[in-house]
Amino acid sequence: MKARQAGDMIQIDHMGVSRDGAALKEFRAVCPIGKQLVARVYSRATANNARRFLQAVLEDLPYPPRSIQVGGGSEFRAGFEDACQALNLPLAVLPPKCPQSDGVVERANDSSRTEFRSLHQGEMTVRDAAPALAEYQRFHNHVRPHCALDLLTPMEYLRQQRTTEHEKSHMS
């Protein structure tokens, strides 16, 4: 499956975050076309938390996702699959340990390792990390230019795409 426009396919992944013996799970969703990011932190990677994260993706993305792509982990089974089915969202499940198949979200994970975690000096608790991660999401989507978007932010890129589509529809 290949995304052609924003929202066609949203890649979702999670990764462990640890420091000083404390560990959290950071869930992340990225649109391969517009690079919009949604991120949340949880104490564990469970199907229930993945389902909660899917709801956050639906609330935070500036457009409705048309399909979801995830790795083959157990957190993306059961309740997560049921939630996608209830929302009529096609779900593509990649084979486990196949990071080359979801390169956009893997790249976002790498960026988080250097950008977010190097800035967050608070406690490694959901309570402390969640507001900092929300600020990082805002920074990523509204402030940080992306080379893949010709140095536009994801939101600038989306506005530009919508303006172009609007102009094309009025020309025909």
C-alpha atoms as a PDB file:
ATOM      1  CA  MET A   1       0.000   0.000   0.000  1.00  0.00           C
ATOM      2  CA  LYS A   2       1.397   3.407  -0.949  1.00  0.00           C
ATOM      3  CA  ALA A   3       0.099   6.761   0.267  1.00  0.00           C
ATOM      4  CA  ARG A   4      -0.613   9.313  -2.451  1.00  0.00           C
ATOM      5  CA  GLN A   5      -2.155  12.110  -0.384  1.00  0.00           C
ATOM      6  CA  ALA A   6      -2.253  13.157   3.256  1.00  0.00           C
ATOM      7  CA  GLY A   7      -4.250  10.701   5.326  1.00  0.00           C
ATOM      8  CA  ASP A   8      -4.117   7.785   2.872  1.00  0.00           C
ATOM      9  CA  MET A   9      -2.032   5.696   5.268  1.00  0.00           C
ATOM     10  CA  ILE A  10      -0.938   6.576   8.787  1.00  0.00           C
ATOM     11  CA  GLN A  11       2.058   4.657  10.116  1.00  0.00           C
ATOM     12  CA  ILE A  12       1.877   3.848  13.835  1.00  0.00           C
ATOM     13  CA  ASP A  13       4.667   2.488  16.012  1.00  0.00           C
ATOM     14  CA  HIS A  14       5.873   2.620  19.584  1.00  0.00           C
ATOM     15  CA  MET A  15       9.241   2.540  21.242  1.00  0.00           C
ATOM     16  CA  GLY A  16      10.577   2.189  24.724  1.00  0.00           C
ATOM     17  CA  VAL A  17      11.956   5.235  26.499  1.00  0.00           C
ATOM     18  CA  SER A  18      14.097   4.720  29.582  1.00  0.00           C
ATOM     19  CA  ARG A  19      16.363   6.675  31.862  1.00  0.00           C
ATOM     20  CA  ASP A  20      17.644   6.065  35.384  1.00  0.00           C
ATOM     21  CA  GLY A  21      15.774   2.763  35.640  1.00  0.00           C
ATOM     22  CA  ALA A  22      12.384   4.239  34.694  1.00  0.00           C
ATOM     23  CA  ALA A  23      10.715   3.146  31.448  1.00  0.00           C
ATOM     24  CA  LEU A  24       7.814   4.403  29.349  1.00  0.00           C
ATOM     25  CA  LYS A  25       6.293   3.517  25.974  1.00  0.00           C
ATOM     26  CA  GLU A  26       5.987   6.306  23.440  1.00  0.00           C
ATOM     27  CA  PHE A  27       3.385   5.739  20.716  1.00  0.00           C
ATOM     28  CA  ARG A  28       3.801   7.719  17.536  1.00  0.00           C
ATOM     29  CA  ALA A  29       1.792   8.132  14.320  1.00  0.00           C
ATOM     30  CA  VAL A  30       3.071   9.855  11.185  1.00  0.00           C
ATOM     31  CA  CYS A  31       1.565  10.586   7.798  1.00  0.00           C
ATOM     32  CA  PRO A  32       4.130   9.662   5.107  1.00  0.00           C
ATOM     33  CA  ILE A  33       2.914  12.460   2.819  1.00  0.00           C
ATOM     34  CA  GLY A  34       2.443  15.478   5.097  1.00  0.00           C
ATOM     35  CA  LYS A  35       4.686  14.334   7.979  1.00  0.00           C
ATOM     36  CA  GLN A  36       2.044  15.317  10.573  1.00  0.00           C
ATOM     37  CA  LEU A  37       2.916  13.708  13.892  1.00  0.00           C
ATOM     38  CA  VAL A  38       0.798  12.490  16.796  1.00  0.00           C
ATOM     39  CA  ALA A  39       2.618  11.241  19.908  1.00  0.00           C
ATOM     40  CA  ARG A  40       1.543  10.011  23.340  1.00  0.00           C
ATOM     41  CA  VAL A  41       3.298   8.310  26.220  1.00  0.00           C
ATOM     42  CA  TYR A  42       1.969   5.385  28.275  1.00  0.00           C
ATOM     43  CA  SER A  43       3.317   3.219  31.044  1.00  0.00           C
ATOM     44  CA  ARG A  44       3.041   0.052  28.916  1.00  0.00           C
ATOM     45  CA  ALA A  45       2.514  -1.019  25.300  1.00  0.00           C
ATOM     46  CA  THR A  46      -0.822  -2.820  25.511  1.00  0.00           C
ATOM     47  CA  ALA A  47      -3.675  -3.269  23.045  1.00  0.00           C
ATOM     48  CA  ASN A  48      -5.796  -1.077  25.299  1.00  0.00           C
ATOM     49  CA  ASN A  49      -3.236   1.747  25.197  1.00  0.00           C
ATOM     50  CA  ALA A  50      -2.836   1.296  21.433  1.00  0.00           C
ATOM     51  CA  ARG A  51      -6.620   1.673  21.112  1.00  0.00           C
ATOM     52  CA  ARG A  52      -6.478   4.841  23.237  1.00  0.00           C
ATOM     53  CA  PHE A  53      -3.686   6.115  21.038  1.00  0.00           C
ATOM     54  CA  LEU A  54      -5.759   5.475  17.910  1.00  0.00           C
ATOM     55  CA  GLN A  55      -8.432   7.763  19.384  1.00  0.00           C
ATOM     56  CA  ALA A  56      -5.773  10.441  19.958  1.00  0.00           C
ATOM     57  CA  VAL A  57      -4.686  10.080  16.319  1.00  0.00           C
ATOM     58  CA  LEU A  58      -8.276  10.611  15.170  1.00  0.00           C
ATOM     59  CA  GLU A  59      -8.581  13.703  17.375  1.00  0.00           C
ATOM     60  CA  ASP A  60      -5.188  15.293  16.563  1.00  0.00           C
ATOM     61  CA  LEU A  61      -4.744  14.745  12.831  1.00  0.00           C
ATOM     62  CA  PRO A  62      -6.061  17.633  10.735  1.00  0.00           C
ATOM     63  CA  TYR A  63      -7.754  15.144   8.355  1.00  0.00           C
ATOM     64  CA  PRO A  64      -9.336  11.714   8.753  1.00  0.00           C
ATOM     65  CA  PRO A  65      -7.014   8.759   8.215  1.00  0.00           C
ATOM     66  CA  ARG A  66      -8.094   6.417   5.413  1.00  0.00           C
ATOM     67  CA  SER A  67      -5.945   3.470   6.549  1.00  0.00           C
ATOM     68  CA  ILE A  68      -3.529   2.489   9.306  1.00  0.00           C
ATOM     69  CA  GLN A  69      -0.239   0.603   9.070  1.00  0.00           C
ATOM     70  CA  VAL A  70       1.351  -0.999  12.142  1.00  0.00           C
ATOM     71  CA  GLY A  71       4.070  -3.456  13.038  1.00  0.00           C
ATOM     72  CA  GLY A  72       3.131  -6.982  14.015  1.00  0.00           C
ATOM     73  CA  GLY A  73       3.378  -6.523  17.785  1.00  0.00           C
ATOM     74  CA  SER A  74       0.729  -7.872  20.145  1.00  0.00           C
ATOM     75  CA  GLU A  75      -0.217  -4.322  21.222  1.00  0.00           C
ATOM     76  CA  PHE A  76      -1.738  -3.861  17.757  1.00  0.00           C
ATOM     77  CA  ARG A  77      -4.019  -6.889  18.116  1.00  0.00           C
ATOM     78  CA  ALA A  78      -7.316  -7.512  19.911  1.00  0.00           C
ATOM     79  CA  GLY A  79      -8.778  -4.172  21.043  1.00  0.00           C
ATOM     80  CA  PHE A  80      -6.757  -2.193  18.502  1.00  0.00           C
ATOM     81  CA  GLU A  81      -7.938  -4.346  15.597  1.00  0.00           C
ATOM     82  CA  ASP A  82     -11.514  -4.156  16.903  1.00  0.00           C
ATOM     83  CA  ALA A  83     -11.299  -0.346  17.088  1.00  0.00           C
ATOM     84  CA  CYS A  84     -10.025  -0.102  13.487  1.00  0.00           C
ATOM     85  CA  GLN A  85     -12.805  -2.410  12.321  1.00  0.00           C
ATOM     86  CA  ALA A  86     -15.477  -0.417  14.198  1.00  0.00           C
ATOM     87  CA  LEU A  87     -14.164   2.773  12.557  1.00  0.00           C
ATOM     88  CA  ASN A  88     -14.083   1.075   9.136  1.00  0.00           C
ATOM     89  CA  LEU A  89     -10.348   1.844   8.947  1.00  0.00           C
ATOM     90  CA  PRO A  90      -8.380  -0.660   6.847  1.00  0.00           C
ATOM     91  CA  LEU A  91      -5.459  -2.019   8.864  1.00  0.00           C
ATOM     92  CA  ALA A  92      -2.198  -3.237   7.309  1.00  0.00           C
ATOM     93  CA  VAL A  93      -0.090  -5.304   9.724  1.00  0.00           C
ATOM     94  CA  LEU A  94       3.579  -5.584   8.797  1.00  0.00           C
ATOM     95  CA  PRO A  95       5.719  -8.580   9.721  1.00  0.00           C
ATOM     96  CA  PRO A  96       7.517  -8.180  13.077  1.00  0.00           C
ATOM     97  CA  LYS A  97      11.015  -6.686  13.050  1.00  0.00           C
ATOM     98  CA  CYS A  98      10.624  -5.180   9.591  1.00  0.00           C
ATOM     99  CA  PRO A  99      11.472  -1.466  10.157  1.00  0.00           C
ATOM    100  CA  GLN A 100      12.229  -0.818   6.479  1.00  0.00           C
ATOM    101  CA  SER A 101       8.498  -1.214   5.718  1.00  0.00           C
ATOM    102  CA  ASP A 102       7.468   1.706   7.930  1.00  0.00           C
ATOM    103  CA  GLY A 103      10.402   4.019   7.371  1.00  0.00           C
ATOM    104  CA  VAL A 104       8.547   7.294   7.966  1.00  0.00           C
ATOM    105  CA  VAL A 105       7.517   6.456  11.520  1.00  0.00           C
ATOM    106  CA  GLU A 106      10.921   4.886  12.174  1.00  0.00           C
ATOM    107  CA  ARG A 107      12.541   8.159  11.052  1.00  0.00           C
ATOM    108  CA  ALA A 108      10.218  10.036  13.413  1.00  0.00           C
ATOM    109  CA  ASN A 109      11.363   7.712  16.207  1.00  0.00           C
ATOM    110  CA  ASP A 110      14.990   8.635  15.437  1.00  0.00           C
ATOM    111  CA  SER A 111      14.136  12.342  15.482  1.00  0.00           C
ATOM    112  CA  SER A 112      12.440  11.917  18.845  1.00  0.00           C
ATOM    113  CA  ARG A 113      15.528  10.260  20.262  1.00  0.00           C
ATOM    114  CA  THR A 114      17.635  13.300  19.438  1.00  0.00           C
ATOM    115  CA  GLU A 115      15.164  16.193  19.579  1.00  0.00           C
ATOM    116  CA  PHE A 116      12.595  15.381  22.255  1.00  0.00           C
ATOM    117  CA  ARG A 117      14.511  13.211  24.686  1.00  0.00           C
ATOM    118  CA  SER A 118      17.563  15.424  24.704  1.00  0.00           C
ATOM    119  CA  LEU A 119      15.325  18.363  25.702  1.00  0.00           C
ATOM    120  CA  HIS A 120      13.117  16.579  28.264  1.00  0.00           C
ATOM    121  CA  GLN A 121      14.971  16.592  31.547  1.00  0.00           C
ATOM    122  CA  GLY A 122      11.950  15.878  33.760  1.00  0.00           C
ATOM    123  CA  GLU A 123      11.057  12.651  35.498  1.00  0.00           C
ATOM    124  CA  MET A 124      10.381   9.606  33.340  1.00  0.00           C
ATOM    125  CA  THR A 125       6.749   9.350  34.348  1.00  0.00           C
ATOM    126  CA  VAL A 126       3.658   9.640  32.183  1.00  0.00           C
ATOM    127  CA  ARG A 127       2.650  12.680  34.224  1.00  0.00           C
ATOM    128  CA  ASP A 128       5.920  14.551  33.519  1.00  0.00           C
ATOM    129  CA  ALA A 129       6.608  13.300  30.005  1.00  0.00           C
ATOM    130  CA  ALA A 130       3.097  13.799  28.537  1.00  0.00           C
ATOM    131  CA  PRO A 131       3.084  17.645  28.540  1.00  0.00           C
ATOM    132  CA  ALA A 132       6.632  17.763  27.179  1.00  0.00           C
ATOM    133  CA  LEU A 133       5.724  15.305  24.427  1.00  0.00           C
ATOM    134  CA  ALA A 134       2.631  17.375  23.555  1.00  0.00           C
ATOM    135  CA  GLU A 135       4.887  20.426  23.182  1.00  0.00           C
ATOM    136  CA  TYR A 136       7.250  18.405  20.995  1.00  0.00           C
ATOM    137  CA  GLN A 137       4.289  17.363  18.801  1.00  0.00           C
ATOM    138  CA  ARG A 138       3.303  21.040  18.421  1.00  0.00           C
ATOM    139  CA  PHE A 139       6.900  21.982  17.594  1.00  0.00           C
ATOM    140  CA  HIS A 140       7.201  19.179  15.020  1.00  0.00           C
ATOM    141  CA  ASN A 141       3.926  20.050  13.256  1.00  0.00           C
ATOM    142  CA  HIS A 142       3.928  23.870  13.456  1.00  0.00           C
ATOM    143  CA  VAL A 143       7.514  25.136  13.904  1.00  0.00           C
ATOM    144  CA  ARG A 144      10.130  22.666  12.654  1.00  0.00           C
ATOM    145  CA  PRO A 145      10.844  22.834   8.888  1.00  0.00           C
ATOM    146  CA  HIS A 146      11.226  19.456   7.173  1.00  0.00           C
ATOM    147  CA  CYS A 147      13.630  18.840   4.300  1.00  0.00           C
ATOM    148  CA  ALA A 148      11.188  16.354   2.741  1.00  0.00           C
ATOM    149  CA  LEU A 149       8.598  19.173   2.589  1.00  0.00           C
ATOM    150  CA  ASP A 150      10.903  21.739   0.944  1.00  0.00           C
ATOM    151  CA  LEU A 151      11.586  23.297   4.358  1.00  0.00           C
ATOM    152  CA  LEU A 152       7.926  23.816   5.184  1.00  0.00           C
ATOM    153  CA  THR A 153       6.424  22.694   8.471  1.00  0.00           C
ATOM    154  CA  PRO A 154       3.853  19.885   8.162  1.00  0.00           C
ATOM    155  CA  MET A 155       1.020  22.356   8.753  1.00  0.00           C
ATOM    156  CA  GLU A 156       2.376  24.838   6.181  1.00  0.00           C
ATOM    157  CA  TYR A 157       2.634  21.972   3.706  1.00  0.00           C
ATOM    158  CA  LEU A 158      -0.951  20.910   4.405  1.00  0.00           C
ATOM    159  CA  ARG A 159      -2.229  24.487   3.933  1.00  0.00           C
ATOM    160  CA  GLN A 160      -0.307  24.740   0.664  1.00  0.00           C
ATOM    161  CA  GLN A 161      -1.782  21.434  -0.560  1.00  0.00           C
ATOM    162  CA  ARG A 162      -5.310  22.478   0.359  1.00  0.00           C
ATOM    163  CA  THR A 163      -4.870  25.856  -1.396  1.00  0.00           C
ATOM    164  CA  THR A 164      -3.594  24.121  -4.540  1.00  0.00           C
ATOM    165  CA  GLU A 165      -6.495  21.634  -4.489  1.00  0.00           C
ATOM    166  CA  HIS A 166      -8.976  24.482  -3.963  1.00  0.00           C
ATOM    167  CA  GLU A 167      -7.531  26.440  -6.881  1.00  0.00           C
ATOM    168  CA  LYS A 168      -7.641  23.382  -9.146  1.00  0.00           C
ATOM    169  CA  SER A 169     -11.282  22.685  -8.274  1.00  0.00           C
ATOM    170  CA  HIS A 170     -12.261  26.253  -9.139  1.00  0.00           C
ATOM    171  CA  MET A 171     -10.425  26.158 -12.473  1.00  0.00           C
ATOM    172  CA  SER A 172     -12.398  23.184 -13.793  1.00  0.00           C
END
